[in-house]
Amino acid sequence: MKPRKRIFIELEKELKRPLVSFFTSLTFPVMIEDADADMLEGVLQKMDLSSGLVLLRAFGILPI
């Protein structure tokens, strides 16, 4: 298992909430676009959020 994925799993266990990470570039200034918001909404709609949510914005790293 990749180290970052392992950390995310441990964070979910420790915080007792699902974790969603959103990656953006450090090189280029970016804003969330409508397509990004639609994708994030689709992910969240399929999750059990009854215990809350941890949304992690990560800069400049590649997605898992």
PDB file of N, CA and C in Angstrom:
ATOM      1  N   MET A   1       0.850  -1.176   0.000  1.00  0.00           N
ATOM      2  CA  MET A   1       0.000   0.000   0.000  1.00  0.00           C
ATOM      3  C   MET A   1       0.900   1.245   0.000  1.00  0.00           C
ATOM      4  N   LYS A   2       0.517   2.245  -0.758  1.00  0.00           N
ATOM      5  CA  LYS A   2       1.297   3.472  -0.834  1.00  0.00           C
ATOM      6  C   LYS A   2       1.221   4.218   0.498  1.00  0.00           C
ATOM      7  N   PRO A   3       2.327   4.887   0.895  1.00  0.00           N
ATOM      8  CA  PRO A   3       2.360   5.563   2.200  1.00  0.00           C
ATOM      9  C   PRO A   3       1.234   6.573   2.412  1.00  0.00           C
ATOM     10  N   ARG A   4       0.935   7.372   1.385  1.00  0.00           N
ATOM     11  CA  ARG A   4      -0.108   8.389   1.547  1.00  0.00           C
ATOM     12  C   ARG A   4      -1.469   7.743   1.769  1.00  0.00           C
ATOM     13  N   LYS A   5      -1.747   6.683   1.028  1.00  0.00           N
ATOM     14  CA  LYS A   5      -3.021   5.987   1.195  1.00  0.00           C
ATOM     15  C   LYS A   5      -3.127   5.427   2.610  1.00  0.00           C
ATOM     16  N   ARG A   6      -2.042   4.884   3.106  1.00  0.00           N
ATOM     17  CA  ARG A   6      -2.014   4.347   4.465  1.00  0.00           C
ATOM     18  C   ARG A   6      -2.302   5.460   5.485  1.00  0.00           C
ATOM     19  N   ILE A   7      -1.712   6.630   5.272  1.00  0.00           N
ATOM     20  CA  ILE A   7      -1.949   7.770   6.171  1.00  0.00           C
ATOM     21  C   ILE A   7      -3.415   8.176   6.133  1.00  0.00           C
ATOM     22  N   PHE A   8      -4.007   8.222   4.943  1.00  0.00           N
ATOM     23  CA  PHE A   8      -5.415   8.599   4.825  1.00  0.00           C
ATOM     24  C   PHE A   8      -6.307   7.606   5.562  1.00  0.00           C
ATOM     25  N   ILE A   9      -6.008   6.328   5.442  1.00  0.00           N
ATOM     26  CA  ILE A   9      -6.792   5.299   6.140  1.00  0.00           C
ATOM     27  C   ILE A   9      -6.666   5.478   7.646  1.00  0.00           C
ATOM     28  N   GLU A  10      -5.453   5.748   8.121  1.00  0.00           N
ATOM     29  CA  GLU A  10      -5.241   5.967   9.558  1.00  0.00           C
ATOM     30  C   GLU A  10      -5.966   7.222  10.038  1.00  0.00           C
ATOM     31  N   LEU A  11      -5.960   8.276   9.225  1.00  0.00           N
ATOM     32  CA  LEU A  11      -6.690   9.497   9.585  1.00  0.00           C
ATOM     33  C   LEU A  11      -8.186   9.226   9.725  1.00  0.00           C
ATOM     34  N   GLU A  12      -8.750   8.481   8.789  1.00  0.00           N
ATOM     35  CA  GLU A  12     -10.170   8.133   8.868  1.00  0.00           C
ATOM     36  C   GLU A  12     -10.473   7.378  10.153  1.00  0.00           C
ATOM     37  N   LYS A  13      -9.623   6.435  10.502  1.00  0.00           N
ATOM     38  CA  LYS A  13      -9.834   5.659  11.733  1.00  0.00           C
ATOM     39  C   LYS A  13      -9.739   6.550  12.962  1.00  0.00           C
ATOM     40  N   GLU A  14      -8.721   7.402  13.008  1.00  0.00           N
ATOM     41  CA  GLU A  14      -8.497   8.269  14.168  1.00  0.00           C
ATOM     42  C   GLU A  14      -9.621   9.294  14.338  1.00  0.00           C
ATOM     43  N   LEU A  15     -10.051   9.888  13.235  1.00  0.00           N
ATOM     44  CA  LEU A  15     -11.075  10.938  13.288  1.00  0.00           C
ATOM     45  C   LEU A  15     -12.494  10.386  13.253  1.00  0.00           C
ATOM     46  N   LYS A  16     -12.621   9.101  12.920  1.00  0.00           N
ATOM     47  CA  LYS A  16     -13.923   8.430  12.837  1.00  0.00           C
ATOM     48  C   LYS A  16     -14.863   9.133  11.858  1.00  0.00           C
ATOM     49  N   ARG A  17     -14.268   9.565  10.755  1.00  0.00           N
ATOM     50  CA  ARG A  17     -15.016  10.235   9.688  1.00  0.00           C
ATOM     51  C   ARG A  17     -14.387   9.873   8.354  1.00  0.00           C
ATOM     52  N   PRO A  18     -15.198   9.847   7.293  1.00  0.00           N
ATOM     53  CA  PRO A  18     -14.619   9.595   5.970  1.00  0.00           C
ATOM     54  C   PRO A  18     -13.754  10.774   5.527  1.00  0.00           C
ATOM     55  N   LEU A  19     -12.733  10.475   4.753  1.00  0.00           N
ATOM     56  CA  LEU A  19     -11.808  11.491   4.275  1.00  0.00           C
ATOM     57  C   LEU A  19     -11.857  11.543   2.752  1.00  0.00           C
ATOM     58  N   VAL A  20     -11.957  12.736   2.232  1.00  0.00           N
ATOM     59  CA  VAL A  20     -11.882  12.965   0.787  1.00  0.00           C
ATOM     60  C   VAL A  20     -10.748  13.955   0.570  1.00  0.00           C
ATOM     61  N   SER A  21      -9.853  13.645  -0.359  1.00  0.00           N
ATOM     62  CA  SER A  21      -8.752  14.565  -0.649  1.00  0.00           C
ATOM     63  C   SER A  21      -8.958  15.187  -2.029  1.00  0.00           C
ATOM     64  N   PHE A  22      -8.600  16.452  -2.123  1.00  0.00           N
ATOM     65  CA  PHE A  22      -8.728  17.220  -3.361  1.00  0.00           C
ATOM     66  C   PHE A  22      -7.354  17.816  -3.653  1.00  0.00           C
ATOM     67  N   PHE A  23      -6.794  17.504  -4.805  1.00  0.00           N
ATOM     68  CA  PHE A  23      -5.435  17.901  -5.133  1.00  0.00           C
ATOM     69  C   PHE A  23      -5.420  19.086  -6.086  1.00  0.00           C
ATOM     70  N   THR A  24      -4.553  20.061  -5.797  1.00  0.00           N
ATOM     71  CA  THR A  24      -4.366  21.201  -6.694  1.00  0.00           C
ATOM     72  C   THR A  24      -2.870  21.426  -6.915  1.00  0.00           C
ATOM     73  N   SER A  25      -2.555  22.207  -7.908  1.00  0.00           N
ATOM     74  CA  SER A  25      -1.169  22.453  -8.303  1.00  0.00           C
ATOM     75  C   SER A  25      -0.533  23.555  -7.467  1.00  0.00           C
ATOM     76  N   LEU A  26       0.738  23.375  -7.146  1.00  0.00           N
ATOM     77  CA  LEU A  26       1.525  24.460  -6.546  1.00  0.00           C
ATOM     78  C   LEU A  26       2.144  25.335  -7.625  1.00  0.00           C
ATOM     79  N   THR A  27       2.308  24.769  -8.809  1.00  0.00           N
ATOM     80  CA  THR A  27       2.973  25.464  -9.903  1.00  0.00           C
ATOM     81  C   THR A  27       2.081  26.520 -10.545  1.00  0.00           C
ATOM     82  N   PHE A  28       0.811  26.188 -10.724  1.00  0.00           N
ATOM     83  CA  PHE A  28      -0.108  27.085 -11.413  1.00  0.00           C
ATOM     84  C   PHE A  28      -1.243  27.483 -10.474  1.00  0.00           C
ATOM     85  N   PRO A  29      -1.588  28.779 -10.445  1.00  0.00           N
ATOM     86  CA  PRO A  29      -2.732  29.182  -9.626  1.00  0.00           C
ATOM     87  C   PRO A  29      -4.013  28.591 -10.224  1.00  0.00           C
ATOM     88  N   VAL A  30      -4.777  27.928  -9.408  1.00  0.00           N
ATOM     89  CA  VAL A  30      -5.992  27.280  -9.896  1.00  0.00           C
ATOM     90  C   VAL A  30      -7.160  27.594  -8.977  1.00  0.00           C
ATOM     91  N   MET A  31      -8.337  27.519  -9.563  1.00  0.00           N
ATOM     92  CA  MET A  31      -9.579  27.634  -8.799  1.00  0.00           C
ATOM     93  C   MET A  31     -10.394  26.392  -9.092  1.00  0.00           C
ATOM     94  N   ILE A  32     -11.253  26.019  -8.166  1.00  0.00           N
ATOM     95  CA  ILE A  32     -12.137  24.894  -8.416  1.00  0.00           C
ATOM     96  C   ILE A  32     -13.089  25.287  -9.549  1.00  0.00           C
ATOM     97  N   GLU A  33     -13.254  24.400 -10.497  1.00  0.00           N
ATOM     98  CA  GLU A  33     -14.132  24.651 -11.637  1.00  0.00           C
ATOM     99  C   GLU A  33     -15.440  23.900 -11.450  1.00  0.00           C
ATOM    100  N   ASP A  34     -16.430  24.231 -12.270  1.00  0.00           N
ATOM    101  CA  ASP A  34     -17.735  23.571 -12.168  1.00  0.00           C
ATOM    102  C   ASP A  34     -17.612  22.058 -12.283  1.00  0.00           C
ATOM    103  N   ALA A  35     -16.769  21.590 -13.198  1.00  0.00           N
ATOM    104  CA  ALA A  35     -16.601  20.141 -13.377  1.00  0.00           C
ATOM    105  C   ALA A  35     -16.015  19.502 -12.120  1.00  0.00           C
ATOM    106  N   ASP A  36     -15.086  20.220 -11.457  1.00  0.00           N
ATOM    107  CA  ASP A  36     -14.515  19.713 -10.203  1.00  0.00           C
ATOM    108  C   ASP A  36     -15.586  19.629  -9.123  1.00  0.00           C
ATOM    109  N   ALA A  37     -16.393  20.674  -9.036  1.00  0.00           N
ATOM    110  CA  ALA A  37     -17.458  20.700  -8.033  1.00  0.00           C
ATOM    111  C   ALA A  37     -18.470  19.588  -8.296  1.00  0.00           C
ATOM    112  N   ASP A  38     -18.796  19.357  -9.559  1.00  0.00           N
ATOM    113  CA  ASP A  38     -19.729  18.281  -9.910  1.00  0.00           C
ATOM    114  C   ASP A  38     -19.161  16.920  -9.523  1.00  0.00           C
ATOM    115  N   MET A  39     -17.873  16.714  -9.786  1.00  0.00           N
ATOM    116  CA  MET A  39     -17.222  15.451  -9.434  1.00  0.00           C
ATOM    117  C   MET A  39     -17.226  15.255  -7.923  1.00  0.00           C
ATOM    118  N   LEU A  40     -16.879  16.299  -7.191  1.00  0.00           N
ATOM    119  CA  LEU A  40     -16.841  16.215  -5.733  1.00  0.00           C
ATOM    120  C   LEU A  40     -18.235  15.959  -5.168  1.00  0.00           C
ATOM    121  N   GLU A  41     -19.231  16.616  -5.717  1.00  0.00           N
ATOM    122  CA  GLU A  41     -20.611  16.384  -5.285  1.00  0.00           C
ATOM    123  C   GLU A  41     -21.015  14.931  -5.526  1.00  0.00           C
ATOM    124  N   GLY A  42     -20.652  14.383  -6.685  1.00  0.00           N
ATOM    125  CA  GLY A  42     -20.967  12.991  -6.992  1.00  0.00           C
ATOM    126  C   GLY A  42     -20.321  12.026  -6.016  1.00  0.00           C
ATOM    127  N   VAL A  43     -19.074  12.291  -5.649  1.00  0.00           N
ATOM    128  CA  VAL A  43     -18.372  11.448  -4.673  1.00  0.00           C
ATOM    129  C   VAL A  43     -19.069  11.527  -3.321  1.00  0.00           C
ATOM    130  N   LEU A  44     -19.383  12.734  -2.887  1.00  0.00           N
ATOM    131  CA  LEU A  44     -19.994  12.924  -1.566  1.00  0.00           C
ATOM    132  C   LEU A  44     -21.386  12.308  -1.485  1.00  0.00           C
ATOM    133  N   GLN A  45     -22.140  12.346  -2.574  1.00  0.00           N
ATOM    134  CA  GLN A  45     -23.488  11.780  -2.569  1.00  0.00           C
ATOM    135  C   GLN A  45     -23.473  10.270  -2.369  1.00  0.00           C
ATOM    136  N   LYS A  46     -22.379   9.619  -2.698  1.00  0.00           N
ATOM    137  CA  LYS A  46     -22.291   8.160  -2.569  1.00  0.00           C
ATOM    138  C   LYS A  46     -21.685   7.722  -1.241  1.00  0.00           C
ATOM    139  N   MET A  47     -21.390   8.684  -0.365  1.00  0.00           N
ATOM    140  CA  MET A  47     -20.737   8.362   0.906  1.00  0.00           C
ATOM    141  C   MET A  47     -21.721   8.494   2.063  1.00  0.00           C
ATOM    142  N   ASP A  48     -21.455   7.748   3.128  1.00  0.00           N
ATOM    143  CA  ASP A  48     -22.202   7.903   4.372  1.00  0.00           C
ATOM    144  C   ASP A  48     -21.549   9.039   5.155  1.00  0.00           C
ATOM    145  N   LEU A  49     -22.207  10.178   5.193  1.00  0.00           N
ATOM    146  CA  LEU A  49     -21.663  11.359   5.856  1.00  0.00           C
ATOM    147  C   LEU A  49     -22.336  11.625   7.196  1.00  0.00           C
ATOM    148  N   SER A  50     -23.023  10.618   7.734  1.00  0.00           N
ATOM    149  CA  SER A  50     -23.755  10.810   8.988  1.00  0.00           C
ATOM    150  C   SER A  50     -22.834  11.151  10.158  1.00  0.00           C
ATOM    151  N   SER A  51     -21.568  10.761  10.084  1.00  0.00           N
ATOM    152  CA  SER A  51     -20.629  11.081  11.166  1.00  0.00           C
ATOM    153  C   SER A  51     -19.779  12.304  10.835  1.00  0.00           C
ATOM    154  N   GLY A  52     -20.034  12.934   9.699  1.00  0.00           N
ATOM    155  CA  GLY A  52     -19.269  14.104   9.292  1.00  0.00           C
ATOM    156  C   GLY A  52     -18.350  13.779   8.128  1.00  0.00           C
ATOM    157  N   LEU A  53     -17.393  14.658   7.892  1.00  0.00           N
ATOM    158  CA  LEU A  53     -16.503  14.541   6.741  1.00  0.00           C
ATOM    159  C   LEU A  53     -15.199  15.266   7.038  1.00  0.00           C
ATOM    160  N   VAL A  54     -14.106  14.735   6.537  1.00  0.00           N
ATOM    161  CA  VAL A  54     -12.822  15.429   6.534  1.00  0.00           C
ATOM    162  C   VAL A  54     -12.491  15.693   5.069  1.00  0.00           C
ATOM    163  N   LEU A  55     -12.407  16.972   4.694  1.00  0.00           N
ATOM    164  CA  LEU A  55     -12.037  17.346   3.328  1.00  0.00           C
ATOM    165  C   LEU A  55     -10.618  17.885   3.378  1.00  0.00           C
ATOM    166  N   LEU A  56      -9.718  17.197   2.710  1.00  0.00           N
ATOM    167  CA  LEU A  56      -8.300  17.536   2.738  1.00  0.00           C
ATOM    168  C   LEU A  56      -7.908  18.106   1.388  1.00  0.00           C
ATOM    169  N   ARG A  57      -7.475  19.359   1.391  1.00  0.00           N
ATOM    170  CA  ARG A  57      -6.978  19.970   0.162  1.00  0.00           C
ATOM    171  C   ARG A  57      -5.466  19.829   0.165  1.00  0.00           C
ATOM    172  N   ALA A  58      -4.948  19.111  -0.801  1.00  0.00           N
ATOM    173  CA  ALA A  58      -3.517  18.828  -0.865  1.00  0.00           C
ATOM    174  C   ALA A  58      -2.910  19.571  -2.044  1.00  0.00           C
ATOM    175  N   PHE A  59      -1.830  20.267  -1.792  1.00  0.00           N
ATOM    176  CA  PHE A  59      -1.173  21.054  -2.831  1.00  0.00           C
ATOM    177  C   PHE A  59       0.010  20.305  -3.424  1.00  0.00           C
ATOM    178  N   GLY A  60       0.096  20.307  -4.739  1.00  0.00           N
ATOM    179  CA  GLY A  60       1.304  19.913  -5.429  1.00  0.00           C
ATOM    180  C   GLY A  60       1.730  18.465  -5.324  1.00  0.00           C
ATOM    181  N   ILE A  61       0.825  17.554  -5.050  1.00  0.00           N
ATOM    182  CA  ILE A  61       1.187  16.144  -5.040  1.00  0.00           C
ATOM    183  C   ILE A  61       0.303  15.398  -6.013  1.00  0.00           C
ATOM    184  N   LEU A  62       0.798  14.288  -6.479  1.00  0.00           N
ATOM    185  CA  LEU A  62       0.031  13.498  -7.431  1.00  0.00           C
ATOM    186  C   LEU A  62      -1.054  12.718  -6.714  1.00  0.00           C
ATOM    187  N   PRO A  63      -2.225  12.544  -7.335  1.00  0.00           N
ATOM    188  CA  PRO A  63      -3.271  11.731  -6.713  1.00  0.00           C
ATOM    189  C   PRO A  63      -2.814  10.291  -6.549  1.00  0.00           C
ATOM    190  N   ILE A  64      -3.479   9.589  -5.657  1.00  0.00           N
ATOM    191  CA  ILE A  64      -3.140   8.184  -5.396  1.00  0.00           C
ATOM    192  C   ILE A  64      -3.504   7.346  -6.596  1.00  0.00           C
TER     193      ILE A  64
END
